Amino acid sequence: MSSRTTGIPASAWLRPALLLVGGLLLTALLFLAGQKIASVAVAIFSVFMAYWTSPLRSGPHIPLTEARTQRADTAIILWAPGNPLSARLQAAIRGPREDVAWVNVFRDPHAQEVLASHGGTGALPLVMVGGQTMINATAGGVLDLQETVRRGQADGGSDTDR
C-alpha cells in the first residue's frame, strides 16, 4: 500500500464500490436492452462518481502540524474524501483562502488522532479555530466561529484564548 492511502478505513471504500457495481449493473442492463449510448453514459458517470466519492480523490491538504502554526483565526478543517459533509463544505468554501487550512485525515496520522478524540469519522468535517472545535461544521458555522475568535482577540483575550 502506498503512503498516500495508508490509514484509510475499509468503510471509506463502501460507497464508491456500491456506486461502481450498481452503475455497471445498470450499464449491462441498458446494453442488453439495446440502449448502447445510454449504457456508455451511465458507465462513464458511474466510474466518475466512484472516483469522486473514493479516498483516491485528492484535494486540498496541509499537514496538521503546519496548519497549527498559522494565524490564530485560521480555520483548520479536517476532512475526508468521500465524506458528503466534507464535500458540501468544500463546495461552499471555494478557492484558496488565507484563513482556511484543509487537512485530509487519510493523509495525516496526527489529524486521525485528533479526529478519533472527537468521535471519529462521524464528526467530519471537524473545524478548529483558536482553542474552539466544531464537529459536522457548515460554512456558516465556520465563519461564525472565526468571527468569535477574532472578536475575542480584539477584546484583548477572552475564553477563546484559554
N, C-alpha and C. Protein backbone atom coordinates (compact mmCIF):
# COMPACT_ATOMS: atom_id res chain seq x y z
N MET A 1 0.84 -1.17 0.00
CA MET A 1 0.00 0.00 0.00
C MET A 1 0.89 1.24 0.00
N SER A 2 0.53 2.25 -0.76
CA SER A 2 1.35 3.45 -0.84
C SER A 2 1.11 4.33 0.37
N SER A 3 2.02 5.27 0.61
CA SER A 3 1.88 6.17 1.74
C SER A 3 0.68 7.08 1.57
N ARG A 4 0.24 7.26 0.34
CA ARG A 4 -0.90 8.13 0.08
C ARG A 4 -2.20 7.51 0.59
N THR A 5 -2.29 6.20 0.63
CA THR A 5 -3.53 5.55 1.03
C THR A 5 -3.45 4.86 2.38
N THR A 6 -2.41 5.07 3.16
CA THR A 6 -2.34 4.45 4.47
C THR A 6 -3.32 5.13 5.41
N GLY A 7 -3.86 4.37 6.32
CA GLY A 7 -4.76 4.92 7.31
C GLY A 7 -6.18 5.08 6.84
N ILE A 8 -6.52 4.58 5.67
CA ILE A 8 -7.87 4.70 5.15
C ILE A 8 -8.68 3.51 5.66
N PRO A 9 -9.78 3.78 6.37
CA PRO A 9 -10.59 2.66 6.85
C PRO A 9 -11.30 1.97 5.69
N ALA A 10 -11.55 0.69 5.85
CA ALA A 10 -12.21 -0.09 4.79
C ALA A 10 -13.60 0.46 4.49
N SER A 11 -14.25 1.02 5.49
CA SER A 11 -15.61 1.55 5.28
C SER A 11 -15.62 2.73 4.31
N ALA A 12 -14.49 3.40 4.13
CA ALA A 12 -14.42 4.52 3.19
C ALA A 12 -14.55 4.06 1.75
N TRP A 13 -14.33 2.78 1.51
CA TRP A 13 -14.42 2.23 0.15
C TRP A 13 -15.81 1.69 -0.17
N LEU A 14 -16.70 1.62 0.82
CA LEU A 14 -18.02 1.03 0.60
C LEU A 14 -18.86 1.83 -0.39
N ARG A 15 -19.01 3.12 -0.17
CA ARG A 15 -19.84 3.96 -1.07
C ARG A 15 -19.33 3.91 -2.51
N PRO A 16 -18.02 4.14 -2.75
CA PRO A 16 -17.57 4.08 -4.14
C PRO A 16 -17.74 2.70 -4.77
N ALA A 17 -17.55 1.65 -3.99
CA ALA A 17 -17.72 0.30 -4.54
C ALA A 17 -19.17 0.06 -4.93
N LEU A 18 -20.10 0.49 -4.08
CA LEU A 18 -21.52 0.31 -4.40
C LEU A 18 -21.93 1.14 -5.62
N LEU A 19 -21.41 2.36 -5.72
CA LEU A 19 -21.71 3.18 -6.89
C LEU A 19 -21.19 2.53 -8.17
N LEU A 20 -19.99 1.99 -8.09
CA LEU A 20 -19.40 1.37 -9.27
C LEU A 20 -20.15 0.10 -9.67
N VAL A 21 -20.40 -0.77 -8.72
CA VAL A 21 -21.09 -2.02 -9.03
C VAL A 21 -22.52 -1.74 -9.53
N GLY A 22 -23.23 -0.87 -8.83
CA GLY A 22 -24.60 -0.54 -9.25
C GLY A 22 -24.62 0.09 -10.63
N GLY A 23 -23.70 0.99 -10.89
CA GLY A 23 -23.63 1.64 -12.19
C GLY A 23 -23.29 0.67 -13.30
N LEU A 24 -22.39 -0.26 -13.03
CA LEU A 24 -22.02 -1.23 -14.05
C LEU A 24 -23.14 -2.24 -14.30
N LEU A 25 -23.91 -2.57 -13.27
CA LEU A 25 -25.08 -3.44 -13.47
C LEU A 25 -26.12 -2.73 -14.34
N LEU A 26 -26.36 -1.46 -14.06
CA LEU A 26 -27.31 -0.69 -14.87
C LEU A 26 -26.79 -0.56 -16.30
N THR A 27 -25.49 -0.38 -16.44
CA THR A 27 -24.88 -0.31 -17.77
C THR A 27 -25.14 -1.61 -18.55
N ALA A 28 -24.94 -2.74 -17.89
CA ALA A 28 -25.16 -4.03 -18.55
C ALA A 28 -26.62 -4.20 -18.96
N LEU A 29 -27.54 -3.80 -18.07
CA LEU A 29 -28.97 -3.91 -18.41
C LEU A 29 -29.33 -3.02 -19.60
N LEU A 30 -28.82 -1.81 -19.60
CA LEU A 30 -29.09 -0.91 -20.72
C LEU A 30 -28.50 -1.44 -22.02
N PHE A 31 -27.31 -2.00 -21.94
CA PHE A 31 -26.66 -2.55 -23.13
C PHE A 31 -27.47 -3.73 -23.68
N LEU A 32 -27.93 -4.60 -22.78
CA LEU A 32 -28.72 -5.75 -23.21
C LEU A 32 -30.06 -5.33 -23.78
N ALA A 33 -30.56 -4.17 -23.36
CA ALA A 33 -31.83 -3.66 -23.87
C ALA A 33 -31.63 -2.89 -25.17
N GLY A 34 -30.40 -2.84 -25.67
CA GLY A 34 -30.13 -2.17 -26.93
C GLY A 34 -29.90 -0.67 -26.81
N GLN A 35 -29.75 -0.18 -25.60
CA GLN A 35 -29.52 1.25 -25.36
C GLN A 35 -28.02 1.50 -25.19
N LYS A 36 -27.29 1.40 -26.29
CA LYS A 36 -25.83 1.48 -26.23
C LYS A 36 -25.32 2.85 -25.80
N ILE A 37 -25.91 3.91 -26.32
CA ILE A 37 -25.46 5.26 -25.95
C ILE A 37 -25.73 5.52 -24.47
N ALA A 38 -26.91 5.15 -24.00
CA ALA A 38 -27.25 5.34 -22.59
C ALA A 38 -26.33 4.49 -21.70
N SER A 39 -26.00 3.30 -22.14
CA SER A 39 -25.14 2.43 -21.33
C SER A 39 -23.73 3.01 -21.21
N VAL A 40 -23.23 3.61 -22.28
CA VAL A 40 -21.91 4.24 -22.22
C VAL A 40 -21.95 5.45 -21.27
N ALA A 41 -23.02 6.24 -21.36
CA ALA A 41 -23.15 7.42 -20.49
C ALA A 41 -23.23 7.01 -19.02
N VAL A 42 -23.99 5.97 -18.72
CA VAL A 42 -24.12 5.50 -17.34
C VAL A 42 -22.78 4.93 -16.85
N ALA A 43 -22.07 4.22 -17.71
CA ALA A 43 -20.78 3.66 -17.32
C ALA A 43 -19.79 4.77 -16.98
N ILE A 44 -19.72 5.78 -17.81
CA ILE A 44 -18.81 6.90 -17.57
C ILE A 44 -19.18 7.62 -16.28
N PHE A 45 -20.47 7.88 -16.10
CA PHE A 45 -20.93 8.56 -14.89
C PHE A 45 -20.64 7.73 -13.65
N SER A 46 -20.83 6.43 -13.72
CA SER A 46 -20.58 5.54 -12.57
C SER A 46 -19.11 5.54 -12.17
N VAL A 47 -18.25 5.46 -13.15
CA VAL A 47 -16.81 5.47 -12.86
C VAL A 47 -16.41 6.81 -12.25
N PHE A 48 -16.94 7.90 -12.80
CA PHE A 48 -16.63 9.22 -12.25
C PHE A 48 -17.10 9.34 -10.81
N MET A 49 -18.33 8.95 -10.53
CA MET A 49 -18.86 9.09 -9.17
C MET A 49 -18.15 8.17 -8.18
N ALA A 50 -17.75 6.99 -8.63
CA ALA A 50 -17.00 6.10 -7.76
C ALA A 50 -15.66 6.74 -7.40
N TYR A 51 -15.00 7.35 -8.38
CA TYR A 51 -13.75 8.05 -8.10
C TYR A 51 -13.98 9.24 -7.18
N TRP A 52 -15.02 10.05 -7.47
CA TRP A 52 -15.28 11.28 -6.72
C TRP A 52 -15.57 11.00 -5.25
N THR A 53 -16.21 9.88 -4.95
CA THR A 53 -16.55 9.55 -3.57
C THR A 53 -15.51 8.65 -2.90
N SER A 54 -14.44 8.34 -3.59
CA SER A 54 -13.43 7.43 -3.04
C SER A 54 -12.30 8.19 -2.35
N PRO A 55 -11.57 7.49 -1.50
CA PRO A 55 -10.38 8.09 -0.87
C PRO A 55 -9.25 8.38 -1.85
N LEU A 56 -9.36 7.92 -3.10
CA LEU A 56 -8.33 8.20 -4.09
C LEU A 56 -8.33 9.66 -4.53
N ARG A 57 -9.48 10.30 -4.40
CA ARG A 57 -9.59 11.69 -4.85
C ARG A 57 -8.74 12.57 -3.94
N SER A 58 -7.86 13.28 -4.59
CA SER A 58 -7.04 14.21 -3.80
C SER A 58 -7.81 15.51 -3.66
N GLY A 59 -7.35 16.32 -2.82
CA GLY A 59 -7.98 17.61 -2.58
C GLY A 59 -7.01 18.46 -1.80
N PRO A 60 -7.48 19.58 -1.31
CA PRO A 60 -6.56 20.43 -0.56
C PRO A 60 -6.05 19.72 0.68
N HIS A 61 -4.76 19.85 0.93
CA HIS A 61 -4.18 19.22 2.12
C HIS A 61 -2.95 19.99 2.58
N ILE A 62 -2.91 20.21 3.87
CA ILE A 62 -1.73 20.76 4.53
C ILE A 62 -1.57 19.94 5.80
N PRO A 63 -0.37 19.55 6.16
CA PRO A 63 -0.20 18.77 7.40
C PRO A 63 -0.73 19.53 8.61
N LEU A 64 -1.32 18.80 9.54
CA LEU A 64 -1.92 19.42 10.73
C LEU A 64 -0.89 20.21 11.52
N THR A 65 0.31 19.69 11.65
CA THR A 65 1.33 20.41 12.41
C THR A 65 1.66 21.76 11.77
N GLU A 66 1.66 21.81 10.45
CA GLU A 66 1.91 23.07 9.74
C GLU A 66 0.71 24.01 9.86
N ALA A 67 -0.49 23.46 9.79
CA ALA A 67 -1.70 24.28 9.88
C ALA A 67 -1.80 24.96 11.25
N ARG A 68 -1.34 24.29 12.28
CA ARG A 68 -1.42 24.85 13.64
C ARG A 68 -0.47 26.02 13.85
N THR A 69 0.49 26.21 12.95
CA THR A 69 1.42 27.32 13.09
C THR A 69 0.92 28.59 12.42
N GLN A 70 -0.24 28.53 11.78
CA GLN A 70 -0.77 29.69 11.08
C GLN A 70 -1.47 30.63 12.06
N ARG A 71 -2.06 31.69 11.53
CA ARG A 71 -2.74 32.69 12.35
C ARG A 71 -3.74 32.04 13.31
N ALA A 72 -4.02 32.73 14.41
CA ALA A 72 -4.92 32.19 15.43
C ALA A 72 -6.36 32.05 14.92
N ASP A 73 -6.75 32.89 13.95
CA ASP A 73 -8.13 32.82 13.45
C ASP A 73 -8.27 31.94 12.22
N THR A 74 -7.22 31.19 11.88
CA THR A 74 -7.29 30.27 10.75
C THR A 74 -8.18 29.09 11.11
N ALA A 75 -9.12 28.78 10.24
CA ALA A 75 -9.97 27.62 10.43
C ALA A 75 -9.24 26.40 9.91
N ILE A 76 -8.91 25.48 10.78
CA ILE A 76 -8.28 24.22 10.39
C ILE A 76 -9.41 23.22 10.21
N ILE A 77 -9.62 22.78 8.98
CA ILE A 77 -10.74 21.91 8.65
C ILE A 77 -10.22 20.52 8.36
N LEU A 78 -10.57 19.57 9.21
CA LEU A 78 -10.25 18.17 8.98
C LEU A 78 -11.36 17.57 8.13
N TRP A 79 -11.00 17.02 6.97
CA TRP A 79 -11.98 16.50 6.02
C TRP A 79 -11.50 15.16 5.49
N ALA A 80 -12.40 14.45 4.81
CA ALA A 80 -12.05 13.18 4.20
C ALA A 80 -12.72 13.06 2.84
N PRO A 81 -11.98 12.60 1.83
CA PRO A 81 -12.60 12.36 0.53
C PRO A 81 -13.71 11.33 0.67
N GLY A 82 -14.81 11.57 -0.01
CA GLY A 82 -15.93 10.66 0.05
C GLY A 82 -16.91 10.97 1.16
N ASN A 83 -16.56 11.86 2.08
CA ASN A 83 -17.48 12.24 3.14
C ASN A 83 -18.41 13.32 2.61
N PRO A 84 -19.72 13.08 2.59
CA PRO A 84 -20.64 14.04 1.99
C PRO A 84 -20.62 15.43 2.65
N LEU A 85 -20.50 15.48 3.97
CA LEU A 85 -20.48 16.79 4.63
C LEU A 85 -19.19 17.55 4.33
N SER A 86 -18.09 16.81 4.19
CA SER A 86 -16.82 17.45 3.81
C SER A 86 -16.92 18.02 2.41
N ALA A 87 -17.53 17.25 1.50
CA ALA A 87 -17.68 17.72 0.12
C ALA A 87 -18.56 18.97 0.07
N ARG A 88 -19.62 18.99 0.86
CA ARG A 88 -20.52 20.14 0.89
C ARG A 88 -19.78 21.38 1.42
N LEU A 89 -18.96 21.19 2.44
CA LEU A 89 -18.21 22.33 2.99
C LEU A 89 -17.17 22.82 1.99
N GLN A 90 -16.51 21.91 1.28
CA GLN A 90 -15.54 22.32 0.27
C GLN A 90 -16.22 23.08 -0.86
N ALA A 91 -17.42 22.68 -1.22
CA ALA A 91 -18.14 23.39 -2.28
C ALA A 91 -18.54 24.79 -1.82
N ALA A 92 -18.86 24.93 -0.54
CA ALA A 92 -19.28 26.22 -0.01
C ALA A 92 -18.10 27.17 0.17
N ILE A 93 -16.96 26.64 0.55
CA ILE A 93 -15.75 27.46 0.74
C ILE A 93 -14.83 27.17 -0.42
N ARG A 94 -15.05 27.87 -1.51
CA ARG A 94 -14.29 27.62 -2.74
C ARG A 94 -13.00 28.43 -2.78
N GLY A 95 -12.05 27.91 -3.49
CA GLY A 95 -10.81 28.62 -3.75
C GLY A 95 -9.91 28.70 -2.54
N PRO A 96 -8.66 29.00 -2.78
CA PRO A 96 -7.70 29.12 -1.68
C PRO A 96 -7.99 30.37 -0.84
N ARG A 97 -7.93 30.21 0.45
CA ARG A 97 -8.14 31.32 1.38
C ARG A 97 -7.03 31.27 2.41
N GLU A 98 -6.57 32.45 2.83
CA GLU A 98 -5.51 32.53 3.83
C GLU A 98 -5.99 32.12 5.21
N ASP A 99 -7.30 32.23 5.46
CA ASP A 99 -7.82 31.95 6.79
C ASP A 99 -8.44 30.56 6.90
N VAL A 100 -8.15 29.67 5.94
CA VAL A 100 -8.66 28.30 5.97
C VAL A 100 -7.53 27.35 5.60
N ALA A 101 -7.36 26.30 6.41
CA ALA A 101 -6.36 25.26 6.13
C ALA A 101 -7.09 23.92 6.10
N TRP A 102 -6.99 23.22 4.97
CA TRP A 102 -7.66 21.94 4.79
C TRP A 102 -6.69 20.80 5.11
N VAL A 103 -7.10 19.88 5.99
CA VAL A 103 -6.27 18.74 6.38
C VAL A 103 -7.03 17.46 6.04
N ASN A 104 -6.48 16.68 5.12
CA ASN A 104 -7.07 15.40 4.72
C ASN A 104 -6.70 14.37 5.80
N VAL A 105 -7.70 13.86 6.52
CA VAL A 105 -7.41 12.96 7.63
C VAL A 105 -6.83 11.63 7.17
N PHE A 106 -7.06 11.25 5.92
CA PHE A 106 -6.50 10.00 5.41
C PHE A 106 -5.00 10.13 5.13
N ARG A 107 -4.50 11.34 5.04
CA ARG A 107 -3.10 11.56 4.70
C ARG A 107 -2.27 12.05 5.89
N ASP A 108 -2.88 12.21 7.06
CA ASP A 108 -2.18 12.79 8.20
C ASP A 108 -2.50 12.02 9.48
N PRO A 109 -1.52 11.27 10.02
CA PRO A 109 -1.78 10.48 11.23
C PRO A 109 -2.13 11.34 12.44
N HIS A 110 -1.57 12.55 12.54
CA HIS A 110 -1.91 13.42 13.68
C HIS A 110 -3.37 13.86 13.59
N ALA A 111 -3.83 14.13 12.39
CA ALA A 111 -5.23 14.51 12.20
C ALA A 111 -6.15 13.34 12.53
N GLN A 112 -5.72 12.12 12.23
CA GLN A 112 -6.52 10.94 12.58
C GLN A 112 -6.68 10.82 14.08
N GLU A 113 -5.62 11.13 14.83
CA GLU A 113 -5.68 11.07 16.29
C GLU A 113 -6.65 12.12 16.84
N VAL A 114 -6.58 13.34 16.29
CA VAL A 114 -7.47 14.41 16.73
C VAL A 114 -8.91 14.04 16.41
N LEU A 115 -9.14 13.51 15.22
CA LEU A 115 -10.48 13.12 14.82
C LEU A 115 -11.02 12.01 15.73
N ALA A 116 -10.18 11.04 16.04
CA ALA A 116 -10.59 9.94 16.92
C ALA A 116 -11.00 10.46 18.30
N SER A 117 -10.30 11.48 18.79
CA SER A 117 -10.62 12.03 20.11
C SER A 117 -11.92 12.82 20.11
N HIS A 118 -12.45 13.13 18.93
CA HIS A 118 -13.71 13.87 18.82
C HIS A 118 -14.85 13.02 18.28
N GLY A 119 -14.68 11.72 18.26
CA GLY A 119 -15.77 10.85 17.84
C GLY A 119 -15.56 10.13 16.53
N GLY A 120 -14.42 10.27 15.90
CA GLY A 120 -14.14 9.54 14.67
C GLY A 120 -14.75 10.20 13.44
N THR A 121 -14.91 9.42 12.38
CA THR A 121 -15.35 9.97 11.10
C THR A 121 -16.75 10.55 11.14
N GLY A 122 -17.54 10.19 12.14
CA GLY A 122 -18.86 10.78 12.29
C GLY A 122 -18.82 12.25 12.63
N ALA A 123 -17.66 12.76 13.04
CA ALA A 123 -17.51 14.17 13.40
C ALA A 123 -17.08 15.04 12.21
N LEU A 124 -16.83 14.42 11.06
CA LEU A 124 -16.35 15.18 9.90
C LEU A 124 -17.45 16.04 9.31
N PRO A 125 -17.10 17.18 8.77
CA PRO A 125 -15.83 17.87 8.89
C PRO A 125 -15.65 18.49 10.27
N LEU A 126 -14.47 18.34 10.80
CA LEU A 126 -14.12 18.86 12.12
C LEU A 126 -13.34 20.14 11.92
N VAL A 127 -13.79 21.22 12.55
CA VAL A 127 -13.16 22.52 12.38
C VAL A 127 -12.60 22.98 13.71
N MET A 128 -11.34 23.46 13.67
CA MET A 128 -10.69 24.02 14.86
C MET A 128 -10.27 25.44 14.54
N VAL A 129 -10.70 26.38 15.39
CA VAL A 129 -10.31 27.77 15.26
C VAL A 129 -9.91 28.23 16.65
N GLY A 130 -8.66 28.70 16.76
CA GLY A 130 -8.18 29.07 18.09
C GLY A 130 -8.23 27.84 18.98
N GLY A 131 -8.85 27.97 20.12
CA GLY A 131 -9.00 26.85 21.04
C GLY A 131 -10.35 26.19 20.95
N GLN A 132 -11.16 26.55 19.97
CA GLN A 132 -12.51 26.02 19.86
C GLN A 132 -12.62 25.00 18.74
N THR A 133 -13.54 24.06 18.92
CA THR A 133 -13.73 22.98 17.95
C THR A 133 -15.21 22.86 17.61
N MET A 134 -15.49 22.54 16.35
CA MET A 134 -16.86 22.34 15.89
C MET A 134 -16.90 21.06 15.06
N ILE A 135 -17.83 20.16 15.42
CA ILE A 135 -17.99 18.94 14.63
C ILE A 135 -19.13 19.12 13.64
N ASN A 136 -19.10 18.36 12.56
CA ASN A 136 -20.11 18.44 11.49
C ASN A 136 -20.35 19.88 11.08
N ALA A 137 -19.26 20.58 10.83
CA ALA A 137 -19.32 22.02 10.56
C ALA A 137 -19.98 22.33 9.23
N THR A 138 -20.62 23.50 9.21
CA THR A 138 -21.17 24.06 7.98
C THR A 138 -20.38 25.32 7.67
N ALA A 139 -20.55 25.85 6.47
CA ALA A 139 -19.82 27.05 6.08
C ALA A 139 -20.17 28.21 7.02
N GLY A 140 -21.45 28.37 7.32
CA GLY A 140 -21.87 29.44 8.23
C GLY A 140 -21.28 29.26 9.62
N GLY A 141 -21.22 28.01 10.08
CA GLY A 141 -20.63 27.73 11.38
C GLY A 141 -19.15 28.07 11.43
N VAL A 142 -18.43 27.77 10.34
CA VAL A 142 -17.00 28.09 10.27
C VAL A 142 -16.79 29.60 10.36
N LEU A 143 -17.56 30.34 9.57
CA LEU A 143 -17.43 31.80 9.57
C LEU A 143 -17.80 32.39 10.93
N ASP A 144 -18.85 31.88 11.56
CA ASP A 144 -19.24 32.36 12.89
C ASP A 144 -18.15 32.07 13.92
N LEU A 145 -17.58 30.89 13.86
CA LEU A 145 -16.52 30.52 14.81
C LEU A 145 -15.30 31.40 14.61
N GLN A 146 -14.92 31.67 13.36
CA GLN A 146 -13.79 32.57 13.10
C GLN A 146 -14.08 33.96 13.64
N GLU A 147 -15.28 34.45 13.44
CA GLU A 147 -15.64 35.78 13.92
C GLU A 147 -15.60 35.84 15.45
N THR A 148 -16.04 34.79 16.10
CA THR A 148 -15.99 34.73 17.56
C THR A 148 -14.55 34.82 18.05
N VAL A 149 -13.66 34.09 17.40
CA VAL A 149 -12.24 34.11 17.80
C VAL A 149 -11.64 35.50 17.53
N ARG A 150 -11.98 36.09 16.38
CA ARG A 150 -11.46 37.43 16.07
C ARG A 150 -11.93 38.46 17.09
N ARG A 151 -13.20 38.40 17.47
CA ARG A 151 -13.72 39.34 18.48
C ARG A 151 -13.01 39.13 19.81
N GLY A 152 -12.75 37.88 20.16
CA GLY A 152 -12.04 37.59 21.40
C GLY A 152 -10.64 38.16 21.40
N GLN A 153 -9.97 38.13 20.24
CA GLN A 153 -8.62 38.70 20.14
C GLN A 153 -8.68 40.22 20.20
N ALA A 154 -9.69 40.81 19.58
CA ALA A 154 -9.83 42.27 19.57
C ALA A 154 -10.14 42.81 20.96
N ASP A 155 -10.82 41.99 21.78
CA ASP A 155 -11.16 42.40 23.15
C ASP A 155 -9.98 42.23 24.09
N GLY A 156 -8.86 41.82 23.58
CA GLY A 156 -7.67 41.62 24.42
C GLY A 156 -7.63 40.27 25.08
N GLY A 157 -8.37 39.34 24.55
CA GLY A 157 -8.35 37.98 25.09
C GLY A 157 -9.66 37.70 25.79
N SER A 158 -10.08 36.47 25.68
CA SER A 158 -11.30 36.02 26.36
C SER A 158 -11.21 34.53 26.57
N ASP A 159 -12.36 33.90 26.76
CA ASP A 159 -12.36 32.46 26.98
C ASP A 159 -11.83 31.68 25.80
N THR A 160 -11.87 32.27 24.60
CA THR A 160 -11.38 31.54 23.41
C THR A 160 -9.87 31.42 23.41
N ASP A 161 -9.17 32.24 24.22
CA ASP A 161 -7.73 32.18 24.23
C ASP A 161 -7.21 31.11 25.20
N ARG A 162 -8.07 30.57 26.03
CA ARG A 162 -7.61 29.63 27.05
C ARG A 162 -7.57 28.24 26.54
